[in-house]
Amino acid sequence: MIRVALAGLGSVWRRRLAKDETGRREIARAVYYNTTGVLVNGHLRTRPRIVGHLRFDGISGLDPNYPSRAVHRVFECAEPCIWKGQNKLMFERRIQPPTNPDLYLVVARSENTGALKVGTAGWRSGNSWVISFSEDGEQQEAMLLMASGSWIRSQLGIFILEPQPRVPWVARLQLHSDPW
């Protein structure tokens, strides 16, 4: 198990309802999936170049009515994996009170970071892992699992993940250098 602090969430959500023994769908045991997406002709769509998602079970501590409340919280997660060709990270339960995380789940959007050169040498640090990446035209959204001090490189420069000293479960990508 690893401790992951949510620094952001992807744009696309899906829900799967569990079925009880009679075959009826139960919202109490729903599963929620989060991944990257971009606007295409005014509609939010996944345009995955790298396929993957986050999974939150109903008991994970995510409130599906207010998912943004999970940001800056720490969760106990299963180790990230690849299953059926997709990158997966399962959030099992929220840790109360927040504690120092092992890793951070970060979402980078081209409107904030500039275009990422995903797939080219040196576009990200070796201690980061891409969960999902969507792209359409100039729009991009990347979901990454990163350690403190990890970095990504974009057309604007290098962004380094920096936790806040007094609240280490809160971290942001900060621009640190000139473009390449």
N, C-alpha and C. Protein backbone atom coordinates (compact mmCIF):
# COMPACT_ATOMS: atom_id res chain seq x y z
N MET A 1 0.83 -1.19 0.00
CA MET A 1 0.00 0.00 0.00
C MET A 1 0.88 1.25 0.00
N ILE A 2 0.38 2.27 -0.67
CA ILE A 2 1.07 3.55 -0.71
C ILE A 2 0.10 4.65 -0.28
N ARG A 3 0.66 5.75 0.23
CA ARG A 3 -0.15 6.92 0.59
C ARG A 3 -0.03 7.94 -0.53
N VAL A 4 -1.18 8.33 -1.09
CA VAL A 4 -1.19 9.25 -2.22
C VAL A 4 -2.02 10.48 -1.85
N ALA A 5 -1.43 11.66 -2.04
CA ALA A 5 -2.15 12.92 -1.85
C ALA A 5 -2.69 13.37 -3.21
N LEU A 6 -3.95 13.72 -3.24
CA LEU A 6 -4.56 14.21 -4.47
C LEU A 6 -4.25 15.70 -4.63
N ALA A 7 -3.50 16.05 -5.68
CA ALA A 7 -3.24 17.45 -5.99
C ALA A 7 -4.19 17.93 -7.09
N GLY A 8 -4.93 17.02 -7.68
CA GLY A 8 -5.89 17.37 -8.72
C GLY A 8 -6.63 16.14 -9.18
N LEU A 9 -7.65 16.35 -9.99
CA LEU A 9 -8.45 15.27 -10.55
C LEU A 9 -8.63 15.51 -12.04
N GLY A 10 -8.80 14.44 -12.79
CA GLY A 10 -9.05 14.54 -14.22
C GLY A 10 -10.44 15.10 -14.49
N SER A 11 -10.70 15.41 -15.74
CA SER A 11 -11.95 16.06 -16.13
C SER A 11 -13.11 15.11 -16.37
N VAL A 12 -12.84 13.83 -16.58
CA VAL A 12 -13.89 12.89 -16.97
C VAL A 12 -14.18 11.90 -15.84
N TRP A 13 -15.46 11.78 -15.52
CA TRP A 13 -15.93 10.85 -14.48
C TRP A 13 -16.90 9.84 -15.08
N ARG A 14 -16.82 8.62 -14.60
CA ARG A 14 -17.80 7.58 -14.92
C ARG A 14 -18.19 6.90 -13.61
N ARG A 15 -19.39 6.31 -13.61
CA ARG A 15 -19.87 5.60 -12.42
C ARG A 15 -20.38 4.24 -12.86
N ARG A 16 -20.09 3.24 -12.03
CA ARG A 16 -20.64 1.91 -12.26
C ARG A 16 -21.35 1.49 -10.99
N LEU A 17 -22.62 1.15 -11.13
CA LEU A 17 -23.40 0.71 -9.98
C LEU A 17 -23.24 -0.79 -9.80
N ALA A 18 -23.09 -1.22 -8.57
CA ALA A 18 -23.02 -2.65 -8.26
C ALA A 18 -24.44 -3.22 -8.28
N LYS A 19 -24.52 -4.52 -8.46
CA LYS A 19 -25.83 -5.19 -8.42
C LYS A 19 -25.92 -6.03 -7.16
N ASP A 20 -27.13 -6.03 -6.55
CA ASP A 20 -27.34 -6.87 -5.39
C ASP A 20 -27.68 -8.29 -5.86
N GLU A 21 -27.98 -9.17 -4.91
CA GLU A 21 -28.24 -10.57 -5.26
C GLU A 21 -29.48 -10.76 -6.14
N THR A 22 -30.39 -9.81 -6.17
CA THR A 22 -31.58 -9.91 -7.03
C THR A 22 -31.35 -9.27 -8.41
N GLY A 23 -30.18 -8.67 -8.61
CA GLY A 23 -29.88 -8.05 -9.88
C GLY A 23 -30.19 -6.57 -9.95
N ARG A 24 -30.70 -6.01 -8.86
CA ARG A 24 -30.98 -4.56 -8.83
C ARG A 24 -29.68 -3.79 -8.62
N ARG A 25 -29.63 -2.64 -9.23
CA ARG A 25 -28.44 -1.79 -9.08
C ARG A 25 -28.48 -1.07 -7.74
N GLU A 26 -27.31 -1.01 -7.09
CA GLU A 26 -27.19 -0.37 -5.78
C GLU A 26 -26.23 0.81 -5.87
N ILE A 27 -26.69 1.99 -5.53
CA ILE A 27 -25.81 3.16 -5.54
C ILE A 27 -24.86 3.13 -4.34
N ALA A 28 -25.24 2.45 -3.27
CA ALA A 28 -24.40 2.39 -2.07
C ALA A 28 -23.07 1.70 -2.35
N ARG A 29 -23.04 0.83 -3.32
CA ARG A 29 -21.79 0.12 -3.64
C ARG A 29 -21.26 0.53 -5.01
N ALA A 30 -21.49 1.77 -5.38
CA ALA A 30 -21.03 2.27 -6.68
C ALA A 30 -19.51 2.40 -6.70
N VAL A 31 -18.96 2.37 -7.89
CA VAL A 31 -17.54 2.58 -8.13
C VAL A 31 -17.43 3.78 -9.07
N TYR A 32 -16.48 4.67 -8.78
CA TYR A 32 -16.29 5.89 -9.56
C TYR A 32 -14.91 5.86 -10.20
N TYR A 33 -14.88 6.22 -11.48
CA TYR A 33 -13.64 6.23 -12.25
C TYR A 33 -13.37 7.65 -12.71
N ASN A 34 -12.10 8.06 -12.63
CA ASN A 34 -11.69 9.40 -13.06
C ASN A 34 -10.54 9.26 -14.04
N THR A 35 -10.61 10.03 -15.13
CA THR A 35 -9.55 10.01 -16.12
C THR A 35 -9.44 11.37 -16.79
N THR A 36 -8.55 11.47 -17.75
CA THR A 36 -8.30 12.74 -18.44
C THR A 36 -9.26 12.93 -19.61
N GLY A 37 -9.45 14.19 -19.97
CA GLY A 37 -10.30 14.51 -21.11
C GLY A 37 -10.03 15.93 -21.57
N VAL A 38 -10.51 16.24 -22.77
CA VAL A 38 -10.37 17.57 -23.36
C VAL A 38 -11.69 17.93 -24.04
N LEU A 39 -11.88 19.22 -24.29
CA LEU A 39 -13.08 19.67 -25.00
C LEU A 39 -12.92 19.41 -26.50
N VAL A 40 -13.93 18.76 -27.07
CA VAL A 40 -13.96 18.49 -28.50
C VAL A 40 -15.32 18.97 -28.99
N ASN A 41 -15.33 19.98 -29.85
CA ASN A 41 -16.58 20.56 -30.35
C ASN A 41 -17.54 20.91 -29.22
N GLY A 42 -17.01 21.47 -28.14
CA GLY A 42 -17.83 21.91 -27.02
C GLY A 42 -18.23 20.82 -26.05
N HIS A 43 -17.77 19.57 -26.27
CA HIS A 43 -18.12 18.46 -25.39
C HIS A 43 -16.85 17.86 -24.79
N LEU A 44 -16.91 17.52 -23.50
CA LEU A 44 -15.78 16.91 -22.82
C LEU A 44 -15.66 15.46 -23.27
N ARG A 45 -14.48 15.10 -23.80
CA ARG A 45 -14.25 13.76 -24.34
C ARG A 45 -12.88 13.26 -23.91
N THR A 46 -12.79 11.95 -23.77
CA THR A 46 -11.47 11.36 -23.59
C THR A 46 -10.87 11.22 -24.98
N ARG A 47 -9.67 11.61 -25.12
CA ARG A 47 -8.91 11.42 -26.36
C ARG A 47 -7.57 10.83 -25.94
N PRO A 48 -7.62 9.58 -25.43
CA PRO A 48 -6.42 9.02 -24.79
C PRO A 48 -5.30 8.66 -25.75
N ARG A 49 -4.13 9.17 -25.44
CA ARG A 49 -2.89 8.69 -26.06
C ARG A 49 -2.25 7.68 -25.11
N ILE A 50 -2.51 7.88 -23.81
CA ILE A 50 -2.12 6.89 -22.79
C ILE A 50 -3.38 6.63 -21.99
N VAL A 51 -3.81 5.38 -21.96
CA VAL A 51 -5.10 5.02 -21.36
C VAL A 51 -4.90 4.60 -19.90
N GLY A 52 -5.73 5.14 -19.03
CA GLY A 52 -5.70 4.76 -17.63
C GLY A 52 -6.72 5.53 -16.84
N HIS A 53 -6.88 5.15 -15.57
CA HIS A 53 -7.85 5.85 -14.73
C HIS A 53 -7.58 5.60 -13.25
N LEU A 54 -8.23 6.44 -12.44
CA LEU A 54 -8.27 6.27 -10.99
C LEU A 54 -9.57 5.57 -10.68
N ARG A 55 -9.57 4.74 -9.63
CA ARG A 55 -10.80 4.07 -9.21
C ARG A 55 -11.03 4.37 -7.74
N PHE A 56 -12.27 4.79 -7.43
CA PHE A 56 -12.69 5.07 -6.07
C PHE A 56 -13.90 4.19 -5.78
N ASP A 57 -13.79 3.30 -4.81
CA ASP A 57 -14.96 2.54 -4.37
C ASP A 57 -15.82 3.43 -3.50
N GLY A 58 -17.07 3.03 -3.30
CA GLY A 58 -18.00 3.80 -2.49
C GLY A 58 -17.51 4.04 -1.07
N ILE A 59 -16.65 3.16 -0.56
CA ILE A 59 -16.16 3.29 0.82
C ILE A 59 -14.79 3.98 0.90
N SER A 60 -14.31 4.53 -0.22
CA SER A 60 -12.96 5.11 -0.26
C SER A 60 -12.84 6.45 0.45
N GLY A 61 -13.97 7.13 0.67
CA GLY A 61 -13.92 8.45 1.28
C GLY A 61 -14.15 9.56 0.27
N LEU A 62 -14.39 9.20 -0.99
CA LEU A 62 -14.73 10.19 -2.01
C LEU A 62 -16.23 10.45 -1.96
N ASP A 63 -16.61 11.71 -1.89
CA ASP A 63 -18.03 12.07 -1.99
C ASP A 63 -18.31 12.36 -3.45
N PRO A 64 -19.06 11.49 -4.15
CA PRO A 64 -19.27 11.67 -5.58
C PRO A 64 -20.04 12.94 -5.93
N ASN A 65 -20.75 13.50 -4.97
CA ASN A 65 -21.45 14.76 -5.21
C ASN A 65 -20.51 15.96 -5.14
N TYR A 66 -19.40 15.81 -4.47
CA TYR A 66 -18.40 16.88 -4.30
C TYR A 66 -16.99 16.31 -4.46
N PRO A 67 -16.62 15.81 -5.63
CA PRO A 67 -15.31 15.17 -5.77
C PRO A 67 -14.14 16.12 -5.49
N SER A 68 -14.32 17.42 -5.71
CA SER A 68 -13.21 18.35 -5.46
C SER A 68 -12.83 18.41 -3.99
N ARG A 69 -13.71 17.97 -3.10
CA ARG A 69 -13.37 17.94 -1.67
C ARG A 69 -12.29 16.90 -1.36
N ALA A 70 -12.02 16.00 -2.29
CA ALA A 70 -10.97 15.00 -2.10
C ALA A 70 -9.58 15.56 -2.39
N VAL A 71 -9.53 16.69 -3.09
CA VAL A 71 -8.24 17.31 -3.41
C VAL A 71 -7.60 17.80 -2.10
N HIS A 72 -6.30 17.61 -2.00
CA HIS A 72 -5.49 17.93 -0.81
C HIS A 72 -5.81 17.00 0.35
N ARG A 73 -6.28 15.80 0.04
CA ARG A 73 -6.49 14.75 1.04
C ARG A 73 -5.54 13.61 0.70
N VAL A 74 -5.25 12.79 1.70
CA VAL A 74 -4.34 11.66 1.51
C VAL A 74 -5.15 10.37 1.57
N PHE A 75 -4.87 9.47 0.63
CA PHE A 75 -5.57 8.19 0.53
C PHE A 75 -4.58 7.04 0.59
N GLU A 76 -5.04 5.94 1.15
CA GLU A 76 -4.29 4.70 1.06
C GLU A 76 -4.69 4.05 -0.25
N CYS A 77 -3.70 3.68 -1.05
CA CYS A 77 -3.95 3.15 -2.39
C CYS A 77 -3.20 1.84 -2.60
N ALA A 78 -3.75 1.04 -3.49
CA ALA A 78 -3.02 -0.14 -3.96
C ALA A 78 -1.88 0.35 -4.85
N GLU A 79 -0.86 -0.46 -5.02
CA GLU A 79 0.23 -0.10 -5.92
C GLU A 79 -0.33 0.12 -7.32
N PRO A 80 0.14 1.13 -8.03
CA PRO A 80 -0.34 1.34 -9.40
C PRO A 80 0.01 0.12 -10.26
N CYS A 81 -0.83 -0.16 -11.24
CA CYS A 81 -0.59 -1.34 -12.07
C CYS A 81 -1.07 -1.09 -13.49
N ILE A 82 -0.73 -2.03 -14.35
CA ILE A 82 -1.24 -2.05 -15.72
C ILE A 82 -2.10 -3.31 -15.81
N TRP A 83 -3.36 -3.12 -16.21
CA TRP A 83 -4.29 -4.22 -16.32
C TRP A 83 -5.04 -4.08 -17.64
N LYS A 84 -4.98 -5.11 -18.46
CA LYS A 84 -5.60 -5.09 -19.79
C LYS A 84 -5.13 -3.89 -20.60
N GLY A 85 -3.84 -3.58 -20.48
CA GLY A 85 -3.24 -2.50 -21.25
C GLY A 85 -3.55 -1.10 -20.77
N GLN A 86 -4.19 -0.98 -19.60
CA GLN A 86 -4.52 0.33 -19.06
C GLN A 86 -3.82 0.54 -17.72
N ASN A 87 -3.40 1.77 -17.49
CA ASN A 87 -2.79 2.14 -16.21
C ASN A 87 -3.89 2.37 -15.19
N LYS A 88 -3.71 1.81 -14.00
CA LYS A 88 -4.74 1.88 -12.97
C LYS A 88 -4.14 2.28 -11.63
N LEU A 89 -4.93 3.04 -10.86
CA LEU A 89 -4.59 3.36 -9.48
C LEU A 89 -5.88 3.32 -8.67
N MET A 90 -5.93 2.44 -7.68
CA MET A 90 -7.14 2.28 -6.87
C MET A 90 -6.98 2.97 -5.53
N PHE A 91 -7.91 3.89 -5.25
CA PHE A 91 -7.95 4.60 -3.99
C PHE A 91 -8.85 3.82 -3.04
N GLU A 92 -8.27 3.30 -1.95
CA GLU A 92 -9.02 2.40 -1.08
C GLU A 92 -9.70 3.10 0.09
N ARG A 93 -8.98 4.02 0.75
CA ARG A 93 -9.62 4.72 1.87
C ARG A 93 -8.86 6.00 2.16
N ARG A 94 -9.62 7.00 2.61
CA ARG A 94 -9.02 8.27 2.99
C ARG A 94 -8.38 8.14 4.36
N ILE A 95 -7.21 8.72 4.51
CA ILE A 95 -6.49 8.68 5.79
C ILE A 95 -6.83 9.93 6.57
N GLN A 96 -7.31 9.75 7.80
CA GLN A 96 -7.67 10.85 8.69
C GLN A 96 -6.84 10.75 9.96
N PRO A 97 -6.22 11.79 10.44
CA PRO A 97 -5.98 13.06 9.78
C PRO A 97 -4.96 12.88 8.66
N PRO A 98 -4.83 13.87 7.75
CA PRO A 98 -3.85 13.75 6.67
C PRO A 98 -2.45 13.53 7.23
N THR A 99 -1.64 12.84 6.48
CA THR A 99 -0.28 12.53 6.88
C THR A 99 0.64 12.76 5.68
N ASN A 100 1.93 12.61 5.88
CA ASN A 100 2.87 12.77 4.77
C ASN A 100 2.61 11.70 3.72
N PRO A 101 2.40 12.08 2.48
CA PRO A 101 2.17 11.09 1.43
C PRO A 101 3.49 10.53 0.88
N ASP A 102 3.39 9.36 0.27
CA ASP A 102 4.53 8.79 -0.46
C ASP A 102 4.63 9.43 -1.84
N LEU A 103 3.46 9.66 -2.45
CA LEU A 103 3.37 10.19 -3.81
C LEU A 103 2.20 11.16 -3.92
N TYR A 104 2.15 11.88 -5.03
CA TYR A 104 1.08 12.83 -5.30
C TYR A 104 0.46 12.49 -6.65
N LEU A 105 -0.86 12.62 -6.73
CA LEU A 105 -1.55 12.48 -8.01
C LEU A 105 -1.75 13.90 -8.54
N VAL A 106 -1.13 14.21 -9.66
CA VAL A 106 -1.09 15.56 -10.22
C VAL A 106 -1.75 15.55 -11.59
N VAL A 107 -2.51 16.59 -11.89
CA VAL A 107 -3.10 16.75 -13.22
C VAL A 107 -2.52 18.02 -13.83
N ALA A 108 -1.93 17.85 -15.02
CA ALA A 108 -1.36 18.98 -15.76
C ALA A 108 -2.20 19.22 -17.00
N ARG A 109 -2.62 20.46 -17.18
CA ARG A 109 -3.42 20.86 -18.34
C ARG A 109 -2.63 21.86 -19.17
N SER A 110 -2.71 21.75 -20.48
CA SER A 110 -1.91 22.61 -21.36
C SER A 110 -2.18 24.09 -21.13
N GLU A 111 -3.39 24.46 -20.72
CA GLU A 111 -3.65 25.88 -20.48
C GLU A 111 -2.90 26.41 -19.26
N ASN A 112 -2.42 25.52 -18.39
CA ASN A 112 -1.65 25.93 -17.21
C ASN A 112 -0.16 25.71 -17.37
N THR A 113 0.22 24.62 -18.04
CA THR A 113 1.64 24.26 -18.12
C THR A 113 2.24 24.47 -19.50
N GLY A 114 1.41 24.75 -20.50
CA GLY A 114 1.90 24.74 -21.87
C GLY A 114 1.90 23.30 -22.38
N ALA A 115 2.21 23.13 -23.64
CA ALA A 115 2.17 21.80 -24.25
C ALA A 115 3.29 20.92 -23.74
N LEU A 116 2.92 19.71 -23.34
CA LEU A 116 3.88 18.69 -22.92
C LEU A 116 4.33 17.92 -24.15
N LYS A 117 5.58 17.54 -24.19
CA LYS A 117 6.12 16.75 -25.30
C LYS A 117 6.12 15.27 -24.88
N VAL A 118 4.92 14.77 -24.59
CA VAL A 118 4.77 13.41 -24.09
C VAL A 118 5.36 12.42 -25.09
N GLY A 119 6.17 11.51 -24.58
CA GLY A 119 6.78 10.48 -25.40
C GLY A 119 8.18 10.82 -25.88
N THR A 120 8.58 12.10 -25.78
CA THR A 120 9.94 12.46 -26.18
C THR A 120 10.88 12.28 -24.98
N ALA A 121 12.14 12.08 -25.28
CA ALA A 121 13.13 11.89 -24.22
C ALA A 121 13.19 13.13 -23.33
N GLY A 122 13.21 12.92 -22.01
CA GLY A 122 13.38 14.01 -21.06
C GLY A 122 12.16 14.87 -20.82
N TRP A 123 10.97 14.39 -21.14
CA TRP A 123 9.78 15.23 -20.91
C TRP A 123 9.30 15.15 -19.47
N ARG A 124 9.73 14.10 -18.72
CA ARG A 124 9.36 13.96 -17.32
C ARG A 124 10.48 13.26 -16.57
N SER A 125 10.49 13.44 -15.24
CA SER A 125 11.51 12.78 -14.42
C SER A 125 11.21 11.29 -14.33
N GLY A 126 12.25 10.53 -14.06
CA GLY A 126 12.12 9.07 -13.98
C GLY A 126 11.30 8.59 -12.80
N ASN A 127 11.11 9.44 -11.78
CA ASN A 127 10.34 9.03 -10.61
C ASN A 127 8.89 9.49 -10.71
N SER A 128 8.38 9.57 -11.94
CA SER A 128 6.96 9.87 -12.16
C SER A 128 6.38 8.78 -13.06
N TRP A 129 5.07 8.61 -12.98
CA TRP A 129 4.39 7.57 -13.74
C TRP A 129 3.12 8.16 -14.34
N VAL A 130 2.92 8.02 -15.62
CA VAL A 130 1.74 8.55 -16.28
C VAL A 130 0.57 7.59 -16.07
N ILE A 131 -0.52 8.10 -15.49
CA ILE A 131 -1.74 7.30 -15.35
C ILE A 131 -2.55 7.41 -16.63
N SER A 132 -2.74 8.63 -17.13
CA SER A 132 -3.57 8.86 -18.31
C SER A 132 -3.13 10.14 -19.00
N PHE A 133 -3.30 10.17 -20.32
CA PHE A 133 -2.97 11.37 -21.08
C PHE A 133 -3.94 11.49 -22.24
N SER A 134 -4.66 12.61 -22.31
CA SER A 134 -5.59 12.90 -23.40
C SER A 134 -5.12 14.13 -24.16
N GLU A 135 -5.36 14.12 -25.48
CA GLU A 135 -4.90 15.23 -26.31
C GLU A 135 -5.82 15.37 -27.52
N ASP A 136 -6.12 16.61 -27.87
CA ASP A 136 -6.85 16.92 -29.09
C ASP A 136 -6.40 18.30 -29.54
N GLY A 137 -5.77 18.36 -30.68
CA GLY A 137 -5.23 19.63 -31.15
C GLY A 137 -4.21 20.17 -30.16
N GLU A 138 -4.42 21.40 -29.71
CA GLU A 138 -3.49 22.02 -28.75
C GLU A 138 -3.87 21.75 -27.30
N GLN A 139 -5.00 21.08 -27.07
CA GLN A 139 -5.44 20.80 -25.70
C GLN A 139 -4.83 19.48 -25.21
N GLN A 140 -4.36 19.51 -23.97
CA GLN A 140 -3.82 18.32 -23.34
C GLN A 140 -4.24 18.27 -21.88
N GLU A 141 -4.39 17.05 -21.38
CA GLU A 141 -4.57 16.84 -19.95
C GLU A 141 -3.82 15.56 -19.60
N ALA A 142 -2.92 15.67 -18.63
CA ALA A 142 -2.11 14.53 -18.20
C ALA A 142 -2.34 14.29 -16.71
N MET A 143 -2.48 13.04 -16.35
CA MET A 143 -2.64 12.63 -14.95
C MET A 143 -1.39 11.81 -14.60
N LEU A 144 -0.62 12.32 -13.62
CA LEU A 144 0.65 11.68 -13.27
C LEU A 144 0.73 11.38 -11.78
N LEU A 145 1.39 10.31 -11.47
CA LEU A 145 1.72 9.96 -10.09
C LEU A 145 3.18 10.38 -9.91
N MET A 146 3.42 11.33 -8.99
CA MET A 146 4.74 11.94 -8.87
C MET A 146 5.23 11.95 -7.42
N ALA A 147 6.53 11.84 -7.26
CA ALA A 147 7.16 12.03 -5.96
C ALA A 147 7.48 13.51 -5.78
N SER A 148 7.66 13.92 -4.55
CA SER A 148 8.08 15.29 -4.27
C SER A 148 9.38 15.56 -5.02
N GLY A 149 9.46 16.71 -5.69
CA GLY A 149 10.66 17.06 -6.46
C GLY A 149 10.66 16.53 -7.88
N SER A 150 9.68 15.72 -8.26
CA SER A 150 9.58 15.24 -9.64
C SER A 150 9.28 16.43 -10.55
N TRP A 151 9.50 16.25 -11.85
CA TRP A 151 9.30 17.35 -12.77
C TRP A 151 8.72 16.88 -14.10
N ILE A 152 8.11 17.85 -14.79
CA ILE A 152 7.68 17.66 -16.16
C ILE A 152 8.20 18.84 -16.97
N ARG A 153 8.44 18.61 -18.26
CA ARG A 153 8.95 19.66 -19.13
C ARG A 153 7.89 19.96 -20.19
N SER A 154 7.65 21.25 -20.39
CA SER A 154 6.68 21.69 -21.39
C SER A 154 7.31 22.78 -22.24
N GLN A 155 6.53 23.32 -23.15
CA GLN A 155 7.03 24.42 -23.99
C GLN A 155 7.34 25.65 -23.16
N LEU A 156 6.79 25.76 -21.93
CA LEU A 156 7.06 26.91 -21.07
C LEU A 156 8.29 26.74 -20.21
N GLY A 157 8.70 25.48 -19.98
CA GLY A 157 9.86 25.22 -19.15
C GLY A 157 9.65 23.99 -18.29
N ILE A 158 10.41 23.92 -17.21
CA ILE A 158 10.34 22.77 -16.30
C ILE A 158 9.47 23.13 -15.10
N PHE A 159 8.51 22.27 -14.82
CA PHE A 159 7.63 22.42 -13.66
C PHE A 159 8.02 21.35 -12.64
N ILE A 160 8.33 21.80 -11.43
CA ILE A 160 8.74 20.89 -10.36
C ILE A 160 7.62 20.79 -9.33
N LEU A 161 7.34 19.57 -8.89
CA LEU A 161 6.30 19.36 -7.87
C LEU A 161 6.86 19.72 -6.50
N GLU A 162 6.25 20.71 -5.87
CA GLU A 162 6.71 21.20 -4.57
C GLU A 162 5.61 21.12 -3.52
N PRO A 163 5.80 20.30 -2.49
CA PRO A 163 4.83 20.27 -1.38
C PRO A 163 4.97 21.52 -0.52
N GLN A 164 3.90 21.89 0.15
CA GLN A 164 3.93 23.01 1.09
C GLN A 164 4.61 22.53 2.38
N PRO A 165 5.55 23.27 2.92
CA PRO A 165 6.30 22.81 4.10
C PRO A 165 5.42 22.47 5.32
N ARG A 166 4.42 23.30 5.60
CA ARG A 166 3.62 23.08 6.82
C ARG A 166 2.46 22.12 6.60
N VAL A 167 2.07 21.93 5.36
CA VAL A 167 0.99 20.98 5.01
C VAL A 167 1.48 20.14 3.84
N PRO A 168 2.32 19.14 4.11
CA PRO A 168 2.99 18.40 3.03
C PRO A 168 2.07 17.59 2.13
N TRP A 169 0.80 17.48 2.45
CA TRP A 169 -0.14 16.78 1.58
C TRP A 169 -0.69 17.72 0.51
N VAL A 170 -0.30 19.00 0.55
CA VAL A 170 -0.68 19.96 -0.48
C VAL A 170 0.58 20.25 -1.31
N ALA A 171 0.49 20.01 -2.62
CA ALA A 171 1.64 20.23 -3.50
C ALA A 171 1.16 20.83 -4.81
N ARG A 172 2.06 21.60 -5.44
CA ARG A 172 1.74 22.24 -6.72
C ARG A 172 2.94 22.14 -7.66
N LEU A 173 2.63 22.13 -8.96
CA LEU A 173 3.68 22.23 -9.96
C LEU A 173 4.09 23.69 -10.07
N GLN A 174 5.38 23.96 -9.92
CA GLN A 174 5.90 25.33 -9.98
C GLN A 174 6.89 25.45 -11.13
N LEU A 175 6.74 26.49 -11.95
CA LEU A 175 7.64 26.73 -13.08
C LEU A 175 9.00 27.17 -12.56
N HIS A 176 10.08 26.50 -13.05
CA HIS A 176 11.42 26.78 -12.53
C HIS A 176 12.46 27.15 -13.56
N SER A 177 12.19 26.99 -14.83
CA SER A 177 13.24 27.32 -15.79
C SER A 177 12.66 27.79 -17.11
N ASP A 178 13.56 28.24 -17.96
CA ASP A 178 13.18 28.73 -19.29
C ASP A 178 12.81 27.55 -20.20
N PRO A 179 12.09 27.86 -21.29
CA PRO A 179 11.73 26.80 -22.26
C PRO A 179 12.96 26.14 -22.85
N TRP A 180 12.76 24.96 -23.35
CA TRP A 180 13.85 24.23 -24.01
C TRP A 180 13.84 24.60 -25.41
